[in-house]
Structure formats: C-alpha cells, structure tokens
Amino acid sequence: MDSGLHLTLVPPSRYARRLPLYTHPSNAIVDPMRSAWVFRPRVKWSQDPEILSKNKLDNPNRTDSTTIGGGALEWGAWFELSDREERLTTPSLAFLVDIFLNLPTLLPKSERVGLTTR
C-alpha cells in the first residue's frame, strides 16, 4: 500500500550543494554558547560566517527582491553533540529548532527598529 509519502535524501537538484555550509565543520571555529544554556558542555556549534555576512546591508551577495532568495535573511550553523552515545531523536529535533536564532536578530540593528523578539 502506497502511503503517498515519497521521502528522499537525494538533493533537489544536481547543482545542490552536498554540504550547505561554506565552512566545512572540520575547519569551523567553535562559537561560545550562551551561559544560560546549562546543556552547553554537551554540544558545540559554529555559525557559518559566510552565510551570516550575506545579511549585511553592504554585502555584494545580499539578495533583494530581484534576485534568487528575494531579499530573505540567511543563517546556517554546524551543530554537534559532544557525547558519542548521544543520538538525535524526534524530541531533540524540536529542542534544536527552539534554540536556533530567530530571523529578526539577524537584521542589522538599524533595520530592526521597533521589532521585538519573543
């Protein structure tokens, strides 16, 4: 019986990048995690500086309404669980999504006047 789901890990295009980050994790510089995160000894992460730089107003690779991406903000990071026995589970995916940066915090300060984050 066909469930109608056709899930795949195949890239959507032959031009798609296999690793969506510009900086390979083996070359990444680990970013400090917030001190409020008591789980920080168990994880590591590195935000991709090339992706973050695209959000700057003067970046030549910043998208706008006429380019692919349509002016959207971008964020990407490598995230690693430090304990070799740790495994990703469905609840842990929800947790990870909750700790990632929200888009308004990626805007330059001059562009977030009046915006609040929750």
C-alpha atoms as a PDB file:
ATOM      1  CA  MET A   1       0.000   0.000   0.000  1.00  0.00           C
ATOM      2  CA  ASP A   2       1.394   3.389  -1.038  1.00  0.00           C
ATOM      3  CA  SER A   3       1.216   5.928   1.821  1.00  0.00           C
ATOM      4  CA  GLY A   4       1.625   8.839  -0.602  1.00  0.00           C
ATOM      5  CA  LEU A   5       4.873   9.860   1.081  1.00  0.00           C
ATOM      6  CA  HIS A   6       7.904   9.870  -1.156  1.00  0.00           C
ATOM      7  CA  LEU A   7      10.688  10.851   1.233  1.00  0.00           C
ATOM      8  CA  THR A   8      14.224  11.062  -0.060  1.00  0.00           C
ATOM      9  CA  LEU A   9      17.656  12.358   0.899  1.00  0.00           C
ATOM     10  CA  VAL A  10      18.516  12.960  -2.737  1.00  0.00           C
ATOM     11  CA  PRO A  11      19.430  16.616  -3.380  1.00  0.00           C
ATOM     12  CA  PRO A  12      16.608  18.547  -5.089  1.00  0.00           C
ATOM     13  CA  SER A  13      18.924  19.359  -7.994  1.00  0.00           C
ATOM     14  CA  ARG A  14      22.221  18.074  -9.334  1.00  0.00           C
ATOM     15  CA  TYR A  15      23.508  21.598  -8.648  1.00  0.00           C
ATOM     16  CA  ALA A  16      22.551  21.448  -4.947  1.00  0.00           C
ATOM     17  CA  ARG A  17      25.431  21.583  -2.502  1.00  0.00           C
ATOM     18  CA  ARG A  18      26.007  18.389  -0.545  1.00  0.00           C
ATOM     19  CA  LEU A  19      27.081  20.405   2.466  1.00  0.00           C
ATOM     20  CA  PRO A  20      25.003  23.598   2.717  1.00  0.00           C
ATOM     21  CA  LEU A  21      27.692  25.469   4.687  1.00  0.00           C
ATOM     22  CA  TYR A  22      30.571  27.412   3.156  1.00  0.00           C
ATOM     23  CA  THR A  23      32.910  26.487   6.016  1.00  0.00           C
ATOM     24  CA  HIS A  24      33.400  22.754   6.409  1.00  0.00           C
ATOM     25  CA  PRO A  25      32.875  21.622  10.045  1.00  0.00           C
ATOM     26  CA  SER A  26      36.461  20.364  10.179  1.00  0.00           C
ATOM     27  CA  ASN A  27      37.639  23.963   9.643  1.00  0.00           C
ATOM     28  CA  ALA A  28      34.983  25.684  11.741  1.00  0.00           C
ATOM     29  CA  ILE A  29      35.843  27.813  14.751  1.00  0.00           C
ATOM     30  CA  VAL A  30      33.597  26.793  17.647  1.00  0.00           C
ATOM     31  CA  ASP A  31      31.403  29.682  18.838  1.00  0.00           C
ATOM     32  CA  PRO A  32      30.740  30.118  22.550  1.00  0.00           C
ATOM     33  CA  MET A  33      27.251  29.177  23.607  1.00  0.00           C
ATOM     34  CA  ARG A  34      25.092  31.288  25.882  1.00  0.00           C
ATOM     35  CA  SER A  35      25.960  30.839  29.543  1.00  0.00           C
ATOM     36  CA  ALA A  36      22.250  30.391  30.338  1.00  0.00           C
ATOM     37  CA  TRP A  37      22.275  27.129  28.378  1.00  0.00           C
ATOM     38  CA  VAL A  38      23.158  24.573  31.055  1.00  0.00           C
ATOM     39  CA  PHE A  39      23.488  21.893  28.362  1.00  0.00           C
ATOM     40  CA  ARG A  40      26.390  23.775  26.678  1.00  0.00           C
ATOM     41  CA  PRO A  41      29.111  21.297  27.822  1.00  0.00           C
ATOM     42  CA  ARG A  42      27.306  18.590  25.833  1.00  0.00           C
ATOM     43  CA  VAL A  43      27.179  20.414  22.481  1.00  0.00           C
ATOM     44  CA  LYS A  44      29.268  22.531  20.124  1.00  0.00           C
ATOM     45  CA  TRP A  45      28.315  24.835  17.302  1.00  0.00           C
ATOM     46  CA  SER A  46      29.805  27.186  14.783  1.00  0.00           C
ATOM     47  CA  GLN A  47      27.798  29.736  12.881  1.00  0.00           C
ATOM     48  CA  ASP A  48      28.868  29.987   9.249  1.00  0.00           C
ATOM     49  CA  PRO A  49      30.426  33.459   8.849  1.00  0.00           C
ATOM     50  CA  GLU A  50      29.934  33.498   5.075  1.00  0.00           C
ATOM     51  CA  ILE A  51      26.196  32.920   5.405  1.00  0.00           C
ATOM     52  CA  LEU A  52      25.883  35.493   8.213  1.00  0.00           C
ATOM     53  CA  SER A  53      27.771  38.105   6.184  1.00  0.00           C
ATOM     54  CA  LYS A  54      25.091  37.959   3.475  1.00  0.00           C
ATOM     55  CA  ASN A  55      22.710  39.722   5.889  1.00  0.00           C
ATOM     56  CA  LYS A  56      24.859  42.879   5.985  1.00  0.00           C
ATOM     57  CA  LEU A  57      23.438  45.783   4.018  1.00  0.00           C
ATOM     58  CA  ASP A  58      26.670  46.328   2.066  1.00  0.00           C
ATOM     59  CA  ASN A  59      27.376  42.674   1.214  1.00  0.00           C
ATOM     60  CA  PRO A  60      27.576  42.165  -2.577  1.00  0.00           C
ATOM     61  CA  ASN A  61      25.938  38.722  -2.195  1.00  0.00           C
ATOM     62  CA  ARG A  62      22.906  40.044  -0.283  1.00  0.00           C
ATOM     63  CA  THR A  63      19.705  39.084  -2.072  1.00  0.00           C
ATOM     64  CA  ASP A  64      16.950  41.526  -2.908  1.00  0.00           C
ATOM     65  CA  SER A  65      13.505  41.368  -4.486  1.00  0.00           C
ATOM     66  CA  THR A  66      15.021  40.869  -7.963  1.00  0.00           C
ATOM     67  CA  THR A  67      17.386  38.002  -7.116  1.00  0.00           C
ATOM     68  CA  ILE A  68      17.070  34.382  -6.079  1.00  0.00           C
ATOM     69  CA  GLY A  69      16.144  34.423  -2.407  1.00  0.00           C
ATOM     70  CA  GLY A  70      14.013  37.524  -2.799  1.00  0.00           C
ATOM     71  CA  GLY A  71      15.717  39.526  -0.073  1.00  0.00           C
ATOM     72  CA  ALA A  72      15.406  36.892   2.619  1.00  0.00           C
ATOM     73  CA  LEU A  73      17.715  36.583   5.607  1.00  0.00           C
ATOM     74  CA  GLU A  74      20.041  33.605   5.901  1.00  0.00           C
ATOM     75  CA  TRP A  75      21.507  31.685   8.821  1.00  0.00           C
ATOM     76  CA  GLY A  76      23.440  28.463   8.990  1.00  0.00           C
ATOM     77  CA  ALA A  77      25.484  26.657  11.598  1.00  0.00           C
ATOM     78  CA  TRP A  78      27.184  23.368  12.264  1.00  0.00           C
ATOM     79  CA  PHE A  79      25.902  21.773  15.470  1.00  0.00           C
ATOM     80  CA  GLU A  80      27.480  18.771  17.179  1.00  0.00           C
ATOM     81  CA  LEU A  81      26.505  16.630  20.119  1.00  0.00           C
ATOM     82  CA  SER A  82      29.686  16.118  22.186  1.00  0.00           C
ATOM     83  CA  ASP A  83      28.758  12.809  23.819  1.00  0.00           C
ATOM     84  CA  ARG A  84      29.421   9.920  21.420  1.00  0.00           C
ATOM     85  CA  GLU A  85      26.495   7.999  22.929  1.00  0.00           C
ATOM     86  CA  GLU A  86      24.016  10.830  22.266  1.00  0.00           C
ATOM     87  CA  ARG A  87      21.524  10.282  19.443  1.00  0.00           C
ATOM     88  CA  LEU A  88      19.124  12.596  17.631  1.00  0.00           C
ATOM     89  CA  THR A  89      15.514  11.814  18.396  1.00  0.00           C
ATOM     90  CA  THR A  90      12.243  13.418  17.371  1.00  0.00           C
ATOM     91  CA  PRO A  91      12.005  15.383  20.672  1.00  0.00           C
ATOM     92  CA  SER A  92      15.613  16.533  20.337  1.00  0.00           C
ATOM     93  CA  LEU A  93      14.877  17.976  16.888  1.00  0.00           C
ATOM     94  CA  ALA A  94      12.157  20.161  18.406  1.00  0.00           C
ATOM     95  CA  PHE A  95      14.636  21.264  21.067  1.00  0.00           C
ATOM     96  CA  LEU A  96      17.267  22.154  18.464  1.00  0.00           C
ATOM     97  CA  VAL A  97      14.818  24.207  16.438  1.00  0.00           C
ATOM     98  CA  ASP A  98      13.883  26.112  19.579  1.00  0.00           C
ATOM     99  CA  ILE A  99      17.467  27.191  20.343  1.00  0.00           C
ATOM    100  CA  PHE A 100      18.352  28.463  16.860  1.00  0.00           C
ATOM    101  CA  LEU A 101      18.429  32.191  16.230  1.00  0.00           C
ATOM    102  CA  ASN A 102      15.264  33.871  15.081  1.00  0.00           C
ATOM    103  CA  LEU A 103      15.398  35.962  11.930  1.00  0.00           C
ATOM    104  CA  PRO A 104      14.864  39.440  13.430  1.00  0.00           C
ATOM    105  CA  THR A 105      18.085  39.058  15.431  1.00  0.00           C
ATOM    106  CA  LEU A 106      19.959  38.597  12.131  1.00  0.00           C
ATOM    107  CA  LEU A 107      18.979  42.025  10.841  1.00  0.00           C
ATOM    108  CA  PRO A 108      21.421  44.894  11.273  1.00  0.00           C
ATOM    109  CA  LYS A 109      20.438  46.968  14.345  1.00  0.00           C
ATOM    110  CA  SER A 110      19.466  49.888  12.111  1.00  0.00           C
ATOM    111  CA  GLU A 111      16.901  47.663  10.374  1.00  0.00           C
ATOM    112  CA  ARG A 112      15.183  46.220  13.460  1.00  0.00           C
ATOM    113  CA  VAL A 113      13.846  49.419  14.965  1.00  0.00           C
ATOM    114  CA  GLY A 114      10.504  48.543  16.523  1.00  0.00           C
ATOM    115  CA  LEU A 115      10.935  44.775  16.095  1.00  0.00           C
ATOM    116  CA  THR A 116      10.836  42.610  19.168  1.00  0.00           C
ATOM    117  CA  THR A 117      11.846  39.002  19.659  1.00  0.00           C
ATOM    118  CA  ARG A 118       9.970  36.526  21.794  1.00  0.00           C
END
